[in-house]
PDB file of N, CA and C in Angstrom:
ATOM      1  N   MET A   1      72.085  36.935   6.343  1.00  0.00           N
ATOM      2  CA  MET A   1      71.561  37.683   7.474  1.00  0.00           C
ATOM      3  C   MET A   1      70.734  38.861   6.990  1.00  0.00           C
ATOM      4  N   ALA A   2      71.263  39.594   6.012  1.00  0.00           N
ATOM      5  CA  ALA A   2      70.560  40.775   5.508  1.00  0.00           C
ATOM      6  C   ALA A   2      69.220  40.386   4.889  1.00  0.00           C
ATOM      7  N   ARG A   3      69.195  39.280   4.158  1.00  0.00           N
ATOM      8  CA  ARG A   3      67.948  38.839   3.536  1.00  0.00           C
ATOM      9  C   ARG A   3      66.925  38.415   4.579  1.00  0.00           C
ATOM     10  N   GLU A   4      67.376  37.669   5.588  1.00  0.00           N
ATOM     11  CA  GLU A   4      66.457  37.177   6.612  1.00  0.00           C
ATOM     12  C   GLU A   4      65.834  38.311   7.411  1.00  0.00           C
ATOM     13  N   LYS A   5      66.623  39.302   7.743  1.00  0.00           N
ATOM     14  CA  LYS A   5      66.139  40.428   8.557  1.00  0.00           C
ATOM     15  C   LYS A   5      65.623  41.590   7.707  1.00  0.00           C
ATOM     16  N   ARG A   6      65.716  41.437   6.378  1.00  0.00           N
ATOM     17  CA  ARG A   6      65.277  42.463   5.431  1.00  0.00           C
ATOM     18  C   ARG A   6      65.951  43.811   5.706  1.00  0.00           C
ATOM     19  N   MET A   7      67.270  43.743   5.835  1.00  0.00           N
ATOM     20  CA  MET A   7      68.081  44.935   6.083  1.00  0.00           C
ATOM     21  C   MET A   7      68.866  45.253   4.826  1.00  0.00           C
ATOM     22  N   ASP A   8      69.207  46.528   4.655  1.00  0.00           N
ATOM     23  CA  ASP A   8      70.034  46.873   3.508  1.00  0.00           C
ATOM     24  C   ASP A   8      71.479  46.471   3.776  1.00  0.00           C
ATOM     25  N   LYS A   9      72.247  46.375   2.701  1.00  0.00           N
ATOM     26  CA  LYS A   9      73.623  45.885   2.761  1.00  0.00           C
ATOM     27  C   LYS A   9      74.511  46.761   3.643  1.00  0.00           C
ATOM     28  N   THR A  10      74.354  48.073   3.552  1.00  0.00           N
ATOM     29  CA  THR A  10      75.171  49.001   4.333  1.00  0.00           C
ATOM     30  C   THR A  10      74.949  48.815   5.833  1.00  0.00           C
ATOM     31  N   SER A  11      73.695  48.649   6.223  1.00  0.00           N
ATOM     32  CA  SER A  11      73.399  48.422   7.642  1.00  0.00           C
ATOM     33  C   SER A  11      73.991  47.111   8.126  1.00  0.00           C
ATOM     34  N   SER A  12      73.900  46.083   7.292  1.00  0.00           N
ATOM     35  CA  SER A  12      74.455  44.770   7.662  1.00  0.00           C
ATOM     36  C   SER A  12      75.963  44.849   7.855  1.00  0.00           C
ATOM     37  N   ILE A  13      76.643  45.537   6.953  1.00  0.00           N
ATOM     38  CA  ILE A  13      78.099  45.682   7.059  1.00  0.00           C
ATOM     39  C   ILE A  13      78.449  46.412   8.349  1.00  0.00           C
ATOM     40  N   GLY A  14      77.726  47.482   8.655  1.00  0.00           N
ATOM     41  CA  GLY A  14      77.979  48.237   9.885  1.00  0.00           C
ATOM     42  C   GLY A  14      77.796  47.398  11.137  1.00  0.00           C
ATOM     43  N   ILE A  15      76.767  46.566  11.146  1.00  0.00           N
ATOM     44  CA  ILE A  15      76.507  45.710  12.309  1.00  0.00           C
ATOM     45  C   ILE A  15      77.633  44.691  12.484  1.00  0.00           C
ATOM     46  N   VAL A  16      78.067  44.079  11.391  1.00  0.00           N
ATOM     47  CA  VAL A  16      79.143  43.084  11.457  1.00  0.00           C
ATOM     48  C   VAL A  16      80.447  43.747  11.913  1.00  0.00           C
ATOM     49  N   GLU A  17      80.769  44.921  11.363  1.00  0.00           N
ATOM     50  CA  GLU A  17      81.973  45.651  11.774  1.00  0.00           C
ATOM     51  C   GLU A  17      81.909  46.010  13.249  1.00  0.00           C
ATOM     52  N   ASP A  18      80.759  46.485  13.717  1.00  0.00           N
ATOM     53  CA  ASP A  18      80.605  46.836  15.137  1.00  0.00           C
ATOM     54  C   ASP A  18      80.763  45.621  16.037  1.00  0.00           C
ATOM     55  N   LEU A  19      80.216  44.496  15.620  1.00  0.00           N
ATOM     56  CA  LEU A  19      80.317  43.267  16.405  1.00  0.00           C
ATOM     57  C   LEU A  19      81.770  42.836  16.567  1.00  0.00           C
ATOM     58  N   PHE A  20      82.508  42.801  15.458  1.00  0.00           N
ATOM     59  CA  PHE A  20      83.910  42.394  15.541  1.00  0.00           C
ATOM     60  C   PHE A  20      84.755  43.440  16.268  1.00  0.00           C
ATOM     61  N   SER A  21      84.414  44.703  16.156  1.00  0.00           N
ATOM     62  CA  SER A  21      85.120  45.751  16.903  1.00  0.00           C
ATOM     63  C   SER A  21      84.945  45.552  18.401  1.00  0.00           C
ATOM     64  N   MET A  22      83.734  45.231  18.819  1.00  0.00           N
ATOM     65  CA  MET A  22      83.484  44.981  20.243  1.00  0.00           C
ATOM     66  C   MET A  22      84.282  43.774  20.731  1.00  0.00           C
ATOM     67  N   MET A  23      84.362  42.723  19.898  1.00  0.00           N
ATOM     68  CA  MET A  23      85.120  41.530  20.275  1.00  0.00           C
ATOM     69  C   MET A  23      86.606  41.845  20.414  1.00  0.00           C
ATOM     70  N   MET A  24      87.140  42.639  19.497  1.00  0.00           N
ATOM     71  CA  MET A  24      88.556  43.011  19.562  1.00  0.00           C
ATOM     72  C   MET A  24      88.843  43.850  20.803  1.00  0.00           C
ATOM     73  N   LYS A  25      87.961  44.796  21.111  1.00  0.00           N
ATOM     74  CA  LYS A  25      88.152  45.643  22.299  1.00  0.00           C
ATOM     75  C   LYS A  25      88.084  44.807  23.568  1.00  0.00           C
ATOM     76  N   LYS A  26      87.193  43.819  23.588  1.00  0.00           N
ATOM     77  CA  LYS A  26      87.081  42.956  24.761  1.00  0.00           C
ATOM     78  C   LYS A  26      88.347  42.121  24.941  1.00  0.00           C
ATOM     79  N   LYS A  27      88.883  41.599  23.841  1.00  0.00           N
ATOM     80  CA  LYS A  27      90.065  40.738  23.931  1.00  0.00           C
ATOM     81  C   LYS A  27      91.343  41.536  24.172  1.00  0.00           C
ATOM     82  N   TYR A  28      91.528  42.666  23.448  1.00  0.00           N
ATOM     83  CA  TYR A  28      92.795  43.397  23.485  1.00  0.00           C
ATOM     84  C   TYR A  28      92.736  44.714  24.254  1.00  0.00           C
ATOM     85  N   GLY A  29      91.568  45.153  24.672  1.00  0.00           N
ATOM     86  CA  GLY A  29      91.445  46.381  25.433  1.00  0.00           C
ATOM     87  C   GLY A  29      91.116  47.578  24.542  1.00  0.00           C
ATOM     88  N   LEU A  30      90.702  48.633  25.174  1.00  0.00           N
ATOM     89  CA  LEU A  30      90.266  49.833  24.457  1.00  0.00           C
ATOM     90  C   LEU A  30      91.393  50.532  23.723  1.00  0.00           C
ATOM     91  N   GLU A  31      92.634  50.333  24.174  1.00  0.00           N
ATOM     92  CA  GLU A  31      93.773  51.014  23.549  1.00  0.00           C
ATOM     93  C   GLU A  31      94.277  50.303  22.292  1.00  0.00           C
ATOM     94  N   ALA A  32      93.779  49.117  22.008  1.00  0.00           N
ATOM     95  CA  ALA A  32      94.220  48.358  20.834  1.00  0.00           C
ATOM     96  C   ALA A  32      93.865  49.105  19.548  1.00  0.00           C
ATOM     97  N   ARG A  33      94.781  49.011  18.583  1.00  0.00           N
ATOM     98  CA  ARG A  33      94.554  49.630  17.278  1.00  0.00           C
ATOM     99  C   ARG A  33      94.315  48.509  16.273  1.00  0.00           C
ATOM    100  N   PHE A  34      93.189  48.548  15.618  1.00  0.00           N
ATOM    101  CA  PHE A  34      92.828  47.495  14.676  1.00  0.00           C
ATOM    102  C   PHE A  34      91.895  48.058  13.613  1.00  0.00           C
ATOM    103  N   ASP A  35      91.738  47.277  12.564  1.00  0.00           N
ATOM    104  CA  ASP A  35      90.842  47.654  11.485  1.00  0.00           C
ATOM    105  C   ASP A  35      90.044  46.423  11.097  1.00  0.00           C
ATOM    106  N   VAL A  36      88.740  46.586  10.942  1.00  0.00           N
ATOM    107  CA  VAL A  36      87.860  45.497  10.533  1.00  0.00           C
ATOM    108  C   VAL A  36      87.361  45.822   9.128  1.00  0.00           C
ATOM    109  N   VAL A  37      87.583  44.886   8.197  1.00  0.00           N
ATOM    110  CA  VAL A  37      87.157  45.069   6.815  1.00  0.00           C
ATOM    111  C   VAL A  37      86.172  43.957   6.465  1.00  0.00           C
ATOM    112  N   VAL A  38      84.962  44.350   6.064  1.00  0.00           N
ATOM    113  CA  VAL A  38      83.923  43.387   5.714  1.00  0.00           C
ATOM    114  C   VAL A  38      83.622  43.522   4.221  1.00  0.00           C
ATOM    115  N   ASN A  39      83.701  42.410   3.502  1.00  0.00           N
ATOM    116  CA  ASN A  39      83.347  42.366   2.088  1.00  0.00           C
ATOM    117  C   ASN A  39      82.177  41.403   1.950  1.00  0.00           C
ATOM    118  N   MET A  40      80.976  41.949   1.933  1.00  0.00           N
ATOM    119  CA  MET A  40      79.775  41.117   1.876  1.00  0.00           C
ATOM    120  C   MET A  40      79.649  40.395   0.538  1.00  0.00           C
ATOM    121  N   ASP A  41      80.172  40.987  -0.535  1.00  0.00           N
ATOM    122  CA  ASP A  41      80.075  40.344  -1.846  1.00  0.00           C
ATOM    123  C   ASP A  41      80.837  39.021  -1.877  1.00  0.00           C
ATOM    124  N   LYS A  42      82.010  39.001  -1.264  1.00  0.00           N
ATOM    125  CA  LYS A  42      82.821  37.788  -1.218  1.00  0.00           C
ATOM    126  C   LYS A  42      82.545  36.947   0.025  1.00  0.00           C
ATOM    127  N   GLY A  43      81.934  37.547   1.042  1.00  0.00           N
ATOM    128  CA  GLY A  43      81.717  36.851   2.297  1.00  0.00           C
ATOM    129  C   GLY A  43      82.958  36.834   3.170  1.00  0.00           C
ATOM    130  N   ASP A  44      83.847  37.829   2.974  1.00  0.00           N
ATOM    131  CA  ASP A  44      85.110  37.898   3.710  1.00  0.00           C
ATOM    132  C   ASP A  44      85.037  38.906   4.851  1.00  0.00           C
ATOM    133  N   ILE A  45      85.703  38.562   5.927  1.00  0.00           N
ATOM    134  CA  ILE A  45      85.913  39.486   7.038  1.00  0.00           C
ATOM    135  C   ILE A  45      87.392  39.430   7.375  1.00  0.00           C
ATOM    136  N   GLU A  46      88.053  40.581   7.335  1.00  0.00           N
ATOM    137  CA  GLU A  46      89.469  40.661   7.666  1.00  0.00           C
ATOM    138  C   GLU A  46      89.636  41.585   8.865  1.00  0.00           C
ATOM    139  N   ILE A  47      90.476  41.172   9.793  1.00  0.00           N
ATOM    140  CA  ILE A  47      90.774  41.987  10.969  1.00  0.00           C
ATOM    141  C   ILE A  47      92.281  42.169  11.035  1.00  0.00           C
ATOM    142  N   PHE A  48      92.703  43.419  11.057  1.00  0.00           N
ATOM    143  CA  PHE A  48      94.120  43.753  11.129  1.00  0.00           C
ATOM    144  C   PHE A  48      94.395  44.363  12.490  1.00  0.00           C
ATOM    145  N   LEU A  49      95.290  43.750  13.259  1.00  0.00           N
ATOM    146  CA  LEU A  49      95.710  44.274  14.550  1.00  0.00           C
ATOM    147  C   LEU A  49      97.049  44.972  14.339  1.00  0.00           C
ATOM    148  N   LEU A  50      97.076  46.267  14.578  1.00  0.00           N
ATOM    149  CA  LEU A  50      98.271  47.067  14.334  1.00  0.00           C
ATOM    150  C   LEU A  50      99.141  47.113  15.583  1.00  0.00           C
ATOM    151  N   LYS A  51     100.418  46.796  15.409  1.00  0.00           N
ATOM    152  CA  LYS A  51     101.370  46.828  16.514  1.00  0.00           C
ATOM    153  C   LYS A  51     102.655  47.499  16.069  1.00  0.00           C
ATOM    154  N   GLU A  52     103.309  48.130  17.011  1.00  0.00           N
ATOM    155  CA  GLU A  52     104.613  48.746  16.773  1.00  0.00           C
ATOM    156  C   GLU A  52     105.693  47.706  17.032  1.00  0.00           C
ATOM    157  N   ILE A  53     106.675  47.639  16.155  1.00  0.00           N
ATOM    158  CA  ILE A  53     107.787  46.706  16.339  1.00  0.00           C
ATOM    159  C   ILE A  53     108.886  47.427  17.112  1.00  0.00           C
ATOM    160  N   VAL A  54     109.273  46.841  18.261  1.00  0.00           N
ATOM    161  CA  VAL A  54     110.251  47.461  19.155  1.00  0.00           C
ATOM    162  C   VAL A  54     111.282  46.431  19.594  1.00  0.00           C
ATOM    163  N   GLU A  55     112.388  46.921  20.142  1.00  0.00           N
ATOM    164  CA  GLU A  55     113.414  46.024  20.688  1.00  0.00           C
ATOM    165  C   GLU A  55     112.945  45.387  21.987  1.00  0.00           C
ATOM    166  N   THR A  56     112.364  46.197  22.882  1.00  0.00           N
ATOM    167  CA  THR A  56     111.884  45.719  24.174  1.00  0.00           C
ATOM    168  C   THR A  56     110.403  46.050  24.304  1.00  0.00           C
ATOM    169  N   VAL A  57     109.595  45.038  24.516  1.00  0.00           N
ATOM    170  CA  VAL A  57     108.149  45.222  24.621  1.00  0.00           C
ATOM    171  C   VAL A  57     107.794  45.731  26.011  1.00  0.00           C
ATOM    172  N   THR A  58     107.097  46.861  26.056  1.00  0.00           N
ATOM    173  CA  THR A  58     106.605  47.395  27.328  1.00  0.00           C
ATOM    174  C   THR A  58     105.085  47.295  27.411  1.00  0.00           C
ATOM    175  N   ASP A  59     104.421  47.183  26.263  1.00  0.00           N
ATOM    176  CA  ASP A  59     102.968  47.029  26.216  1.00  0.00           C
ATOM    177  C   ASP A  59     102.626  45.994  25.142  1.00  0.00           C
ATOM    178  N   PRO A  60     102.348  44.750  25.542  1.00  0.00           N
ATOM    179  CA  PRO A  60     102.125  43.682  24.569  1.00  0.00           C
ATOM    180  C   PRO A  60     100.887  43.879  23.686  1.00  0.00           C
ATOM    181  N   VAL A  61      99.973  44.723  24.089  1.00  0.00           N
ATOM    182  CA  VAL A  61      98.794  44.991  23.261  1.00  0.00           C
ATOM    183  C   VAL A  61      99.164  45.872  22.074  1.00  0.00           C
ATOM    184  N   LEU A  62     100.072  46.824  22.291  1.00  0.00           N
ATOM    185  CA  LEU A  62     100.426  47.784  21.255  1.00  0.00           C
ATOM    186  C   LEU A  62     101.749  47.496  20.572  1.00  0.00           C
ATOM    187  N   GLN A  63     102.552  46.584  21.139  1.00  0.00           N
ATOM    188  CA  GLN A  63     103.915  46.375  20.629  1.00  0.00           C
ATOM    189  C   GLN A  63     104.208  44.877  20.453  1.00  0.00           C
ATOM    190  N   MET A  64     105.199  44.613  19.576  1.00  0.00           N
ATOM    191  CA  MET A  64     105.743  43.266  19.461  1.00  0.00           C
ATOM    192  C   MET A  64     107.239  43.375  19.254  1.00  0.00           C
ATOM    193  N   GLN A  65     107.951  42.355  19.691  1.00  0.00           N
ATOM    194  CA  GLN A  65     109.420  42.382  19.623  1.00  0.00           C
ATOM    195  C   GLN A  65     109.896  42.111  18.208  1.00  0.00           C
ATOM    196  N   ARG A  66     110.957  42.789  17.858  1.00  0.00           N
ATOM    197  CA  ARG A  66     111.572  42.639  16.544  1.00  0.00           C
ATOM    198  C   ARG A  66     112.096  41.261  16.343  1.00  0.00           C
TER     199      ARG A  66
END
């Protein structure tokens, strides 16, 4: 993508991170806590959805049952 559009690597990484961030917010809502990690050298994209482990789930977006 970066080569085709003649963009620098940093800009490409930012665009990919923003795209996946928007997708996560759309699926899980604005209150979701997540991290998007893009490694252009390896071609990897990792998305970590952070949840609190609780006995009783009151918010399935932010929590999961033990």
